[in-house]
């Protein structure tokens, strides 16, 4: 008799009007992303640019070119020249290979610095929001003091002290880029630490580190993904600006920023030297903005499907 009652109960729940299987935040977000064509197109474009940059040595070997070989007799070749699909620069170096290697460095610096600054921001923000009190006051004071210094001025000072190599640039950008993430994580941690599941985990003997990084931080992971995409935009522009004014990666190592700076002197004679790096920077920034906007909409619980 009891088994029949259980079966009837399950059937009544099954046929109860309008009930659908519940979806997690991630499954709902993935479902929204699959229907968001602009975001998918932007993701495909960024993946393509990143793949081309990673495969720069392979592509160079296939075409028989590299970013450093100088052919002075072939300088200023236009786009579509034999053996040089995107022309050459003022020293006869292949422009396509320099763009690919430049993307490798520009995108690599932006991604590595964004991940490192995100890790710093999450750790510091979680401590500030979780412990509060003097810890929170000191961290907020330090962030306010750091943010009061103009960002470009601070970047120039640090790069003047450190050698402007790719690892140094990653470190420089991470040092000044973690404050925004810290503020976001601090606010969310302060709210989430009052939730019942955190209080229950504390009552069961979970340590403070476990509470922060096993129960609180995973619940703001979707916001961190959005923050990572937005940080990459700022870092790509910052690296390009630093290289453009001569404080970033120095020639002959190519980056999109120093290629733009170098092309200023040859803008009329070889406009493709300026147009192509500028287009790649603009396209990358636009696509990452689209991705960030799409991720924000996908993870927003207030938007109806």
C-alpha atoms as a PDB file:
ATOM      1  CA  UNK A   1       0.000   0.000   0.000  1.00  0.00           C
ATOM      2  CA  UNK A   2       2.779   2.356   0.834  1.00  0.00           C
ATOM      3  CA  UNK A   3       4.515   1.688  -2.473  1.00  0.00           C
ATOM      4  CA  UNK A   4       1.309   2.525  -4.365  1.00  0.00           C
ATOM      5  CA  UNK A   5       1.025   5.832  -2.516  1.00  0.00           C
ATOM      6  CA  UNK A   6       4.624   6.679  -3.442  1.00  0.00           C
ATOM      7  CA  UNK A   7       3.996   5.871  -7.090  1.00  0.00           C
ATOM      8  CA  UNK A   8       0.811   7.963  -7.180  1.00  0.00           C
ATOM      9  CA  UNK A   9       2.677  10.882  -5.569  1.00  0.00           C
ATOM     10  CA  UNK A  10       5.438  10.793  -8.166  1.00  0.00           C
ATOM     11  CA  UNK A  11       2.905  10.660 -10.978  1.00  0.00           C
ATOM     12  CA  UNK A  12       0.934  13.602  -9.576  1.00  0.00           C
ATOM     13  CA  UNK A  13       4.157  15.629  -9.436  1.00  0.00           C
ATOM     14  CA  UNK A  14       4.994  14.602 -12.976  1.00  0.00           C
ATOM     15  CA  UNK A  15       1.665  15.611 -14.388  1.00  0.00           C
ATOM     16  CA  UNK A  16       1.357  18.710 -12.218  1.00  0.00           C
ATOM     17  CA  UNK A  17       0.793  21.510 -14.756  1.00  0.00           C
ATOM     18  CA  UNK A  18       3.684  23.660 -15.811  1.00  0.00           C
ATOM     19  CA  UNK A  19       6.556  22.150 -13.813  1.00  0.00           C
ATOM     20  CA  UNK A  20       9.834  21.944 -15.745  1.00  0.00           C
ATOM     21  CA  UNK A  21      13.166  20.498 -14.644  1.00  0.00           C
ATOM     22  CA  UNK A  22      15.154  23.116 -12.744  1.00  0.00           C
ATOM     23  CA  UNK A  23      18.297  24.480 -14.418  1.00  0.00           C
ATOM     24  CA  UNK A  24      21.516  25.546 -12.775  1.00  0.00           C
ATOM     25  CA  UNK A  25      22.993  28.980 -13.386  1.00  0.00           C
ATOM     26  CA  UNK A  26      25.681  27.527 -15.652  1.00  0.00           C
ATOM     27  CA  UNK A  27      23.317  25.445 -17.787  1.00  0.00           C
ATOM     28  CA  UNK A  28      20.965  28.415 -18.162  1.00  0.00           C
ATOM     29  CA  UNK A  29      23.886  30.671 -19.101  1.00  0.00           C
ATOM     30  CA  UNK A  30      25.185  28.188 -21.699  1.00  0.00           C
ATOM     31  CA  UNK A  31      21.703  27.938 -23.183  1.00  0.00           C
ATOM     32  CA  UNK A  32      21.540  31.714 -23.533  1.00  0.00           C
ATOM     33  CA  UNK A  33      25.025  31.913 -25.033  1.00  0.00           C
ATOM     34  CA  UNK A  34      24.146  29.353 -27.695  1.00  0.00           C
ATOM     35  CA  UNK A  35      21.370  31.687 -28.868  1.00  0.00           C
ATOM     36  CA  UNK A  36      23.530  34.833 -28.742  1.00  0.00           C
ATOM     37  CA  UNK A  37      25.014  34.982 -32.235  1.00  0.00           C
ATOM     38  CA  UNK A  38      27.039  38.233 -31.824  1.00  0.00           C
ATOM     39  CA  UNK A  39      28.768  36.824 -28.742  1.00  0.00           C
ATOM     40  CA  UNK A  40      29.455  33.507 -30.461  1.00  0.00           C
ATOM     41  CA  UNK A  41      30.889  35.348 -33.479  1.00  0.00           C
ATOM     42  CA  UNK A  42      33.105  37.434 -31.168  1.00  0.00           C
ATOM     43  CA  UNK A  43      34.310  34.288 -29.364  1.00  0.00           C
ATOM     44  CA  UNK A  44      35.123  32.647 -32.701  1.00  0.00           C
ATOM     45  CA  UNK A  45      37.053  35.731 -33.842  1.00  0.00           C
ATOM     46  CA  UNK A  46      39.110  35.914 -30.645  1.00  0.00           C
ATOM     47  CA  UNK A  47      39.795  32.171 -30.796  1.00  0.00           C
ATOM     48  CA  UNK A  48      40.913  32.557 -34.425  1.00  0.00           C
ATOM     49  CA  UNK A  49      43.232  35.472 -33.635  1.00  0.00           C
ATOM     50  CA  UNK A  50      44.701  33.637 -30.658  1.00  0.00           C
ATOM     51  CA  UNK A  51      45.207  30.457 -32.721  1.00  0.00           C
ATOM     52  CA  UNK A  52      46.959  32.381 -35.502  1.00  0.00           C
ATOM     53  CA  UNK A  53      49.201  34.061 -32.938  1.00  0.00           C
ATOM     54  CA  UNK A  54      50.108  30.752 -31.293  1.00  0.00           C
ATOM     55  CA  UNK A  55      50.782  29.167 -34.689  1.00  0.00           C
ATOM     56  CA  UNK A  56      52.915  32.118 -35.856  1.00  0.00           C
ATOM     57  CA  UNK A  57      56.138  30.019 -36.096  1.00  0.00           C
ATOM     58  CA  UNK A  58      54.347  27.316 -38.114  1.00  0.00           C
ATOM     59  CA  UNK A  59      52.773  29.841 -40.491  1.00  0.00           C
ATOM     60  CA  UNK A  60      56.123  31.590 -40.890  1.00  0.00           C
ATOM     61  CA  UNK A  61      57.828  28.310 -41.798  1.00  0.00           C
ATOM     62  CA  UNK A  62      55.123  27.477 -44.339  1.00  0.00           C
ATOM     63  CA  UNK A  63      55.476  30.893 -46.009  1.00  0.00           C
ATOM     64  CA  UNK A  64      59.246  30.970 -45.649  1.00  0.00           C
ATOM     65  CA  UNK A  65      59.275  34.251 -43.706  1.00  0.00           C
ATOM     66  CA  UNK A  66      60.058  35.431 -40.186  1.00  0.00           C
ATOM     67  CA  UNK A  67      59.552  38.744 -38.356  1.00  0.00           C
ATOM     68  CA  UNK A  68      63.241  39.652 -38.085  1.00  0.00           C
ATOM     69  CA  UNK A  69      64.812  38.923 -41.487  1.00  0.00           C
ATOM     70  CA  UNK A  70      65.574  42.182 -43.307  1.00  0.00           C
ATOM     71  CA  UNK A  71      65.403  42.444 -47.100  1.00  0.00           C
ATOM     72  CA  UNK A  72      66.227  46.048 -47.878  1.00  0.00           C
ATOM     73  CA  UNK A  73      65.610  45.546 -51.597  1.00  0.00           C
ATOM     74  CA  UNK A  74      61.996  44.568 -50.788  1.00  0.00           C
ATOM     75  CA  UNK A  75      61.046  47.344 -48.374  1.00  0.00           C
ATOM     76  CA  UNK A  76      57.654  49.090 -48.524  1.00  0.00           C
ATOM     77  CA  UNK A  77      56.026  46.324 -50.566  1.00  0.00           C
ATOM     78  CA  UNK A  78      52.240  46.695 -50.747  1.00  0.00           C
ATOM     79  CA  UNK A  79      49.638  44.175 -49.624  1.00  0.00           C
ATOM     80  CA  UNK A  80      49.483  41.231 -52.013  1.00  0.00           C
ATOM     81  CA  UNK A  81      53.152  41.299 -53.019  1.00  0.00           C
ATOM     82  CA  UNK A  82      54.573  37.894 -54.069  1.00  0.00           C
ATOM     83  CA  UNK A  83      55.913  36.066 -51.035  1.00  0.00           C
ATOM     84  CA  UNK A  84      54.620  38.785 -48.682  1.00  0.00           C
ATOM     85  CA  UNK A  85      50.787  38.673 -48.527  1.00  0.00           C
ATOM     86  CA  UNK A  86      50.544  41.746 -46.266  1.00  0.00           C
ATOM     87  CA  UNK A  87      53.563  43.597 -47.649  1.00  0.00           C
ATOM     88  CA  UNK A  88      56.785  44.572 -45.913  1.00  0.00           C
ATOM     89  CA  UNK A  89      57.959  47.381 -43.639  1.00  0.00           C
ATOM     90  CA  UNK A  90      60.722  49.976 -43.949  1.00  0.00           C
ATOM     91  CA  UNK A  91      63.415  47.312 -43.439  1.00  0.00           C
ATOM     92  CA  UNK A  92      61.889  44.738 -45.762  1.00  0.00           C
ATOM     93  CA  UNK A  93      60.593  42.555 -42.917  1.00  0.00           C
ATOM     94  CA  UNK A  94      57.469  40.538 -43.633  1.00  0.00           C
ATOM     95  CA  UNK A  95      54.458  42.366 -42.209  1.00  0.00           C
ATOM     96  CA  UNK A  96      52.233  39.299 -41.807  1.00  0.00           C
ATOM     97  CA  UNK A  97      54.742  37.444 -39.638  1.00  0.00           C
ATOM     98  CA  UNK A  98      55.324  40.567 -37.537  1.00  0.00           C
ATOM     99  CA  UNK A  99      51.580  40.964 -37.008  1.00  0.00           C
ATOM    100  CA  UNK A 100      51.268  37.335 -35.929  1.00  0.00           C
ATOM    101  CA  UNK A 101      54.220  37.497 -33.543  1.00  0.00           C
ATOM    102  CA  UNK A 102      52.990  40.887 -32.315  1.00  0.00           C
ATOM    103  CA  UNK A 103      49.591  39.353 -31.539  1.00  0.00           C
ATOM    104  CA  UNK A 104      51.334  36.540 -29.689  1.00  0.00           C
ATOM    105  CA  UNK A 105      52.988  39.066 -27.374  1.00  0.00           C
ATOM    106  CA  UNK A 106      50.101  41.567 -27.083  1.00  0.00           C
ATOM    107  CA  UNK A 107      47.415  38.938 -26.456  1.00  0.00           C
ATOM    108  CA  UNK A 108      49.737  36.872 -24.256  1.00  0.00           C
ATOM    109  CA  UNK A 109      50.593  39.837 -22.035  1.00  0.00           C
ATOM    110  CA  UNK A 110      46.930  40.858 -21.756  1.00  0.00           C
ATOM    111  CA  UNK A 111      45.697  37.359 -20.887  1.00  0.00           C
ATOM    112  CA  UNK A 112      48.498  36.527 -18.432  1.00  0.00           C
ATOM    113  CA  UNK A 113      48.257  39.915 -16.693  1.00  0.00           C
ATOM    114  CA  UNK A 114      44.450  39.664 -16.497  1.00  0.00           C
ATOM    115  CA  UNK A 115      44.615  36.194 -14.907  1.00  0.00           C
ATOM    116  CA  UNK A 116      47.340  37.246 -12.448  1.00  0.00           C
ATOM    117  CA  UNK A 117      45.547  40.457 -11.452  1.00  0.00           C
ATOM    118  CA  UNK A 118      42.314  38.454 -11.086  1.00  0.00           C
ATOM    119  CA  UNK A 119      44.025  36.011  -8.702  1.00  0.00           C
ATOM    120  CA  UNK A 120      45.432  38.876  -6.627  1.00  0.00           C
ATOM    121  CA  UNK A 121      42.117  40.698  -6.618  1.00  0.00           C
ATOM    122  CA  UNK A 122      40.164  37.593  -5.569  1.00  0.00           C
ATOM    123  CA  UNK A 123      42.554  36.756  -2.716  1.00  0.00           C
ATOM    124  CA  UNK A 124      42.733  40.320  -1.351  1.00  0.00           C
ATOM    125  CA  UNK A 125      39.020  41.045  -1.869  1.00  0.00           C
ATOM    126  CA  UNK A 126      37.948  37.809  -0.184  1.00  0.00           C
ATOM    127  CA  UNK A 127      40.120  38.605   2.851  1.00  0.00           C
ATOM    128  CA  UNK A 128      38.785  42.173   3.045  1.00  0.00           C
ATOM    129  CA  UNK A 129      35.143  41.144   2.830  1.00  0.00           C
ATOM    130  CA  UNK A 130      35.440  38.094   5.059  1.00  0.00           C
ATOM    131  CA  UNK A 131      37.465  39.512   7.944  1.00  0.00           C
ATOM    132  CA  UNK A 132      36.294  43.127   7.818  1.00  0.00           C
ATOM    133  CA  UNK A 133      37.478  45.459  10.563  1.00  0.00           C
ATOM    134  CA  UNK A 134      41.070  46.667  10.444  1.00  0.00           C
ATOM    135  CA  UNK A 135      41.929  44.304   7.577  1.00  0.00           C
ATOM    136  CA  UNK A 136      39.166  45.783   5.437  1.00  0.00           C
ATOM    137  CA  UNK A 137      40.064  49.364   6.396  1.00  0.00           C
ATOM    138  CA  UNK A 138      43.746  48.900   5.539  1.00  0.00           C
ATOM    139  CA  UNK A 139      43.000  47.264   2.180  1.00  0.00           C
ATOM    140  CA  UNK A 140      40.515  49.986   1.219  1.00  0.00           C
ATOM    141  CA  UNK A 141      43.011  52.687   2.237  1.00  0.00           C
ATOM    142  CA  UNK A 142      45.727  51.064   0.122  1.00  0.00           C
ATOM    143  CA  UNK A 143      43.402  50.740  -2.897  1.00  0.00           C
ATOM    144  CA  UNK A 144      42.285  54.361  -2.592  1.00  0.00           C
ATOM    145  CA  UNK A 145      45.892  55.538  -2.365  1.00  0.00           C
ATOM    146  CA  UNK A 146      46.938  53.445  -5.370  1.00  0.00           C
ATOM    147  CA  UNK A 147      43.977  54.593  -7.456  1.00  0.00           C
ATOM    148  CA  UNK A 148      44.730  58.234  -6.682  1.00  0.00           C
ATOM    149  CA  UNK A 149      47.890  57.992  -8.822  1.00  0.00           C
ATOM    150  CA  UNK A 150      47.163  58.368 -12.579  1.00  0.00           C
ATOM    151  CA  UNK A 151      47.408  54.928 -14.129  1.00  0.00           C
ATOM    152  CA  UNK A 152      49.477  55.860 -17.172  1.00  0.00           C
ATOM    153  CA  UNK A 153      51.905  57.872 -15.027  1.00  0.00           C
ATOM    154  CA  UNK A 154      52.332  54.919 -12.668  1.00  0.00           C
ATOM    155  CA  UNK A 155      52.888  52.567 -15.598  1.00  0.00           C
ATOM    156  CA  UNK A 156      55.586  54.829 -17.043  1.00  0.00           C
ATOM    157  CA  UNK A 157      57.377  55.011 -13.675  1.00  0.00           C
ATOM    158  CA  UNK A 158      57.355  51.243 -13.160  1.00  0.00           C
ATOM    159  CA  UNK A 159      58.413  50.431 -16.730  1.00  0.00           C
ATOM    160  CA  UNK A 160      61.223  52.993 -16.439  1.00  0.00           C
ATOM    161  CA  UNK A 161      62.566  51.038 -13.451  1.00  0.00           C
ATOM    162  CA  UNK A 162      61.940  47.545 -14.801  1.00  0.00           C
ATOM    163  CA  UNK A 163      63.196  46.258 -18.135  1.00  0.00           C
ATOM    164  CA  UNK A 164      60.204  46.351 -20.549  1.00  0.00           C
ATOM    165  CA  UNK A 165      60.248  42.626 -21.337  1.00  0.00           C
ATOM    166  CA  UNK A 166      57.011  40.586 -21.673  1.00  0.00           C
ATOM    167  CA  UNK A 167      57.300  39.021 -18.155  1.00  0.00           C
ATOM    168  CA  UNK A 168      58.001  42.451 -16.669  1.00  0.00           C
ATOM    169  CA  UNK A 169      54.989  43.925 -18.480  1.00  0.00           C
ATOM    170  CA  UNK A 170      52.764  41.157 -17.111  1.00  0.00           C
ATOM    171  CA  UNK A 171      54.005  41.920 -13.599  1.00  0.00           C
ATOM    172  CA  UNK A 172      53.524  45.676 -14.065  1.00  0.00           C
ATOM    173  CA  UNK A 173      49.945  45.332 -15.309  1.00  0.00           C
ATOM    174  CA  UNK A 174      49.085  42.839 -12.563  1.00  0.00           C
ATOM    175  CA  UNK A 175      50.441  45.185  -9.879  1.00  0.00           C
ATOM    176  CA  UNK A 176      48.115  48.028 -10.860  1.00  0.00           C
ATOM    177  CA  UNK A 177      45.177  46.055 -12.279  1.00  0.00           C
ATOM    178  CA  UNK A 178      43.828  44.131  -9.285  1.00  0.00           C
ATOM    179  CA  UNK A 179      41.978  46.908  -7.456  1.00  0.00           C
ATOM    180  CA  UNK A 180      38.716  46.753  -9.420  1.00  0.00           C
ATOM    181  CA  UNK A 181      38.405  43.009  -8.892  1.00  0.00           C
ATOM    182  CA  UNK A 182      39.172  43.459  -5.203  1.00  0.00           C
ATOM    183  CA  UNK A 183      36.297  45.910  -4.739  1.00  0.00           C
ATOM    184  CA  UNK A 184      33.870  43.576  -6.521  1.00  0.00           C
ATOM    185  CA  UNK A 185      34.934  40.458  -4.605  1.00  0.00           C
ATOM    186  CA  UNK A 186      34.960  42.348  -1.300  1.00  0.00           C
ATOM    187  CA  UNK A 187      31.346  43.492  -1.728  1.00  0.00           C
ATOM    188  CA  UNK A 188      30.116  40.051  -2.795  1.00  0.00           C
ATOM    189  CA  UNK A 189      32.036  38.295  -0.009  1.00  0.00           C
ATOM    190  CA  UNK A 190      30.601  40.638   2.603  1.00  0.00           C
ATOM    191  CA  UNK A 191      27.102  39.716   1.381  1.00  0.00           C
ATOM    192  CA  UNK A 192      27.637  35.973   0.958  1.00  0.00           C
ATOM    193  CA  UNK A 193      29.320  35.352   4.304  1.00  0.00           C
ATOM    194  CA  UNK A 194      25.965  36.025   5.985  1.00  0.00           C
ATOM    195  CA  UNK A 195      24.204  33.262   4.001  1.00  0.00           C
ATOM    196  CA  UNK A 196      22.888  30.149   5.710  1.00  0.00           C
ATOM    197  CA  UNK A 197      25.142  27.685   3.881  1.00  0.00           C
ATOM    198  CA  UNK A 198      28.266  29.589   4.998  1.00  0.00           C
ATOM    199  CA  UNK A 199      27.040  29.733   8.579  1.00  0.00           C
ATOM    200  CA  UNK A 200      26.271  26.004   8.440  1.00  0.00           C
ATOM    201  CA  UNK A 201      29.749  25.213   7.057  1.00  0.00           C
ATOM    202  CA  UNK A 202      31.314  27.288   9.841  1.00  0.00           C
ATOM    203  CA  UNK A 203      29.247  25.397  12.433  1.00  0.00           C
ATOM    204  CA  UNK A 204      30.558  22.116  10.986  1.00  0.00           C
ATOM    205  CA  UNK A 205      34.130  23.264  11.629  1.00  0.00           C
ATOM    206  CA  UNK A 206      35.236  24.585   8.217  1.00  0.00           C
ATOM    207  CA  UNK A 207      38.307  26.820   8.390  1.00  0.00           C
ATOM    208  CA  UNK A 208      38.265  30.435   7.252  1.00  0.00           C
ATOM    209  CA  UNK A 209      40.249  29.587   4.108  1.00  0.00           C
ATOM    210  CA  UNK A 210      37.794  26.839   3.220  1.00  0.00           C
ATOM    211  CA  UNK A 211      34.845  29.146   3.817  1.00  0.00           C
ATOM    212  CA  UNK A 212      36.332  31.809   1.551  1.00  0.00           C
ATOM    213  CA  UNK A 213      37.650  29.712  -1.330  1.00  0.00           C
ATOM    214  CA  UNK A 214      35.364  26.669  -1.251  1.00  0.00           C
ATOM    215  CA  UNK A 215      32.011  28.216  -0.334  1.00  0.00           C
ATOM    216  CA  UNK A 216      32.093  31.937  -1.187  1.00  0.00           C
ATOM    217  CA  UNK A 217      34.409  32.468  -4.178  1.00  0.00           C
ATOM    218  CA  UNK A 218      32.824  29.711  -6.360  1.00  0.00           C
ATOM    219  CA  UNK A 219      29.489  31.515  -6.023  1.00  0.00           C
ATOM    220  CA  UNK A 220      30.881  34.670  -7.637  1.00  0.00           C
ATOM    221  CA  UNK A 221      32.776  32.825 -10.370  1.00  0.00           C
ATOM    222  CA  UNK A 222      30.405  34.041 -13.091  1.00  0.00           C
ATOM    223  CA  UNK A 223      31.131  37.653 -12.142  1.00  0.00           C
ATOM    224  CA  UNK A 224      34.856  36.934 -12.245  1.00  0.00           C
ATOM    225  CA  UNK A 225      34.620  35.645 -15.824  1.00  0.00           C
ATOM    226  CA  UNK A 226      32.972  38.898 -16.854  1.00  0.00           C
ATOM    227  CA  UNK A 227      35.617  40.869 -14.953  1.00  0.00           C
ATOM    228  CA  UNK A 228      38.367  38.903 -16.713  1.00  0.00           C
ATOM    229  CA  UNK A 229      37.032  39.829 -20.155  1.00  0.00           C
ATOM    230  CA  UNK A 230      36.743  43.502 -19.221  1.00  0.00           C
ATOM    231  CA  UNK A 231      40.247  43.503 -17.725  1.00  0.00           C
ATOM    232  CA  UNK A 232      41.691  42.101 -20.939  1.00  0.00           C
ATOM    233  CA  UNK A 233      40.260  45.040 -22.904  1.00  0.00           C
ATOM    234  CA  UNK A 234      41.953  47.563 -20.641  1.00  0.00           C
ATOM    235  CA  UNK A 235      45.232  45.652 -20.675  1.00  0.00           C
ATOM    236  CA  UNK A 236      45.366  45.361 -24.467  1.00  0.00           C
ATOM    237  CA  UNK A 237      44.793  49.099 -24.770  1.00  0.00           C
ATOM    238  CA  UNK A 238      47.316  49.840 -22.005  1.00  0.00           C
ATOM    239  CA  UNK A 239      50.015  47.674 -23.586  1.00  0.00           C
ATOM    240  CA  UNK A 240      49.364  49.255 -26.976  1.00  0.00           C
ATOM    241  CA  UNK A 241      49.483  52.756 -25.486  1.00  0.00           C
ATOM    242  CA  UNK A 242      52.730  52.083 -23.618  1.00  0.00           C
ATOM    243  CA  UNK A 243      54.389  50.569 -26.668  1.00  0.00           C
ATOM    244  CA  UNK A 244      53.044  53.395 -28.828  1.00  0.00           C
ATOM    245  CA  UNK A 245      54.710  56.064 -26.682  1.00  0.00           C
ATOM    246  CA  UNK A 246      57.926  54.065 -26.429  1.00  0.00           C
ATOM    247  CA  UNK A 247      57.741  52.728 -22.850  1.00  0.00           C
ATOM    248  CA  UNK A 248      56.588  49.218 -23.693  1.00  0.00           C
ATOM    249  CA  UNK A 249      58.225  46.319 -25.509  1.00  0.00           C
ATOM    250  CA  UNK A 250      61.072  47.680 -27.584  1.00  0.00           C
ATOM    251  CA  UNK A 251      61.862  46.949 -31.245  1.00  0.00           C
ATOM    252  CA  UNK A 252      62.815  44.737 -32.956  1.00  0.00           C
ATOM    253  CA  UNK A 253      60.435  42.571 -30.879  1.00  0.00           C
ATOM    254  CA  UNK A 254      57.038  43.217 -32.498  1.00  0.00           C
ATOM    255  CA  UNK A 255      53.849  44.128 -30.678  1.00  0.00           C
ATOM    256  CA  UNK A 256      50.801  45.769 -32.185  1.00  0.00           C
ATOM    257  CA  UNK A 257      51.511  48.906 -30.169  1.00  0.00           C
ATOM    258  CA  UNK A 258      55.138  49.452 -31.175  1.00  0.00           C
ATOM    259  CA  UNK A 259      54.285  48.559 -34.783  1.00  0.00           C
ATOM    260  CA  UNK A 260      51.807  51.436 -34.733  1.00  0.00           C
ATOM    261  CA  UNK A 261      54.411  53.734 -33.232  1.00  0.00           C
ATOM    262  CA  UNK A 262      56.992  52.720 -35.831  1.00  0.00           C
ATOM    263  CA  UNK A 263      54.511  53.194 -38.702  1.00  0.00           C
ATOM    264  CA  UNK A 264      53.905  56.869 -37.893  1.00  0.00           C
ATOM    265  CA  UNK A 265      56.992  57.891 -39.864  1.00  0.00           C
ATOM    266  CA  UNK A 266      55.869  55.947 -42.932  1.00  0.00           C
ATOM    267  CA  UNK A 267      52.115  56.600 -42.840  1.00  0.00           C
ATOM    268  CA  UNK A 268      51.932  58.189 -46.298  1.00  0.00           C
ATOM    269  CA  UNK A 269      54.444  55.956 -48.001  1.00  0.00           C
ATOM    270  CA  UNK A 270      53.125  52.665 -46.598  1.00  0.00           C
ATOM    271  CA  UNK A 271      49.713  53.171 -44.960  1.00  0.00           C
ATOM    272  CA  UNK A 272      49.202  49.424 -44.488  1.00  0.00           C
ATOM    273  CA  UNK A 273      51.898  49.486 -41.788  1.00  0.00           C
ATOM    274  CA  UNK A 274      49.554  51.559 -39.604  1.00  0.00           C
ATOM    275  CA  UNK A 275      46.141  50.393 -40.778  1.00  0.00           C
ATOM    276  CA  UNK A 276      46.585  46.664 -40.152  1.00  0.00           C
ATOM    277  CA  UNK A 277      47.856  46.790 -36.513  1.00  0.00           C
ATOM    278  CA  UNK A 278      45.223  49.418 -35.701  1.00  0.00           C
ATOM    279  CA  UNK A 279      42.493  47.246 -37.191  1.00  0.00           C
ATOM    280  CA  UNK A 280      43.645  44.216 -35.196  1.00  0.00           C
ATOM    281  CA  UNK A 281      43.667  46.179 -31.924  1.00  0.00           C
ATOM    282  CA  UNK A 282      40.214  47.630 -32.645  1.00  0.00           C
ATOM    283  CA  UNK A 283      38.788  44.254 -33.694  1.00  0.00           C
ATOM    284  CA  UNK A 284      40.176  42.512 -30.608  1.00  0.00           C
ATOM    285  CA  UNK A 285      38.867  45.157 -28.213  1.00  0.00           C
ATOM    286  CA  UNK A 286      35.435  45.185 -29.910  1.00  0.00           C
ATOM    287  CA  UNK A 287      35.131  41.396 -29.766  1.00  0.00           C
ATOM    288  CA  UNK A 288      36.140  41.222 -26.108  1.00  0.00           C
ATOM    289  CA  UNK A 289      33.579  43.924 -25.291  1.00  0.00           C
ATOM    290  CA  UNK A 290      30.923  41.858 -27.070  1.00  0.00           C
ATOM    291  CA  UNK A 291      31.980  38.758 -25.144  1.00  0.00           C
ATOM    292  CA  UNK A 292      31.844  40.620 -21.826  1.00  0.00           C
ATOM    293  CA  UNK A 293      28.405  42.022 -22.637  1.00  0.00           C
ATOM    294  CA  UNK A 294      27.145  38.600 -23.717  1.00  0.00           C
ATOM    295  CA  UNK A 295      28.482  36.923 -20.582  1.00  0.00           C
ATOM    296  CA  UNK A 296      26.867  39.575 -18.396  1.00  0.00           C
ATOM    297  CA  UNK A 297      23.488  38.940 -20.037  1.00  0.00           C
ATOM    298  CA  UNK A 298      23.925  35.158 -19.941  1.00  0.00           C
ATOM    299  CA  UNK A 299      24.667  35.062 -16.215  1.00  0.00           C
ATOM    300  CA  UNK A 300      22.098  37.704 -15.219  1.00  0.00           C
ATOM    301  CA  UNK A 301      19.322  35.893 -13.275  1.00  0.00           C
ATOM    302  CA  UNK A 302      16.955  38.838 -13.783  1.00  0.00           C
ATOM    303  CA  UNK A 303      16.726  38.318 -17.553  1.00  0.00           C
ATOM    304  CA  UNK A 304      13.983  35.946 -18.603  1.00  0.00           C
ATOM    305  CA  UNK A 305      14.749  33.210 -21.144  1.00  0.00           C
END
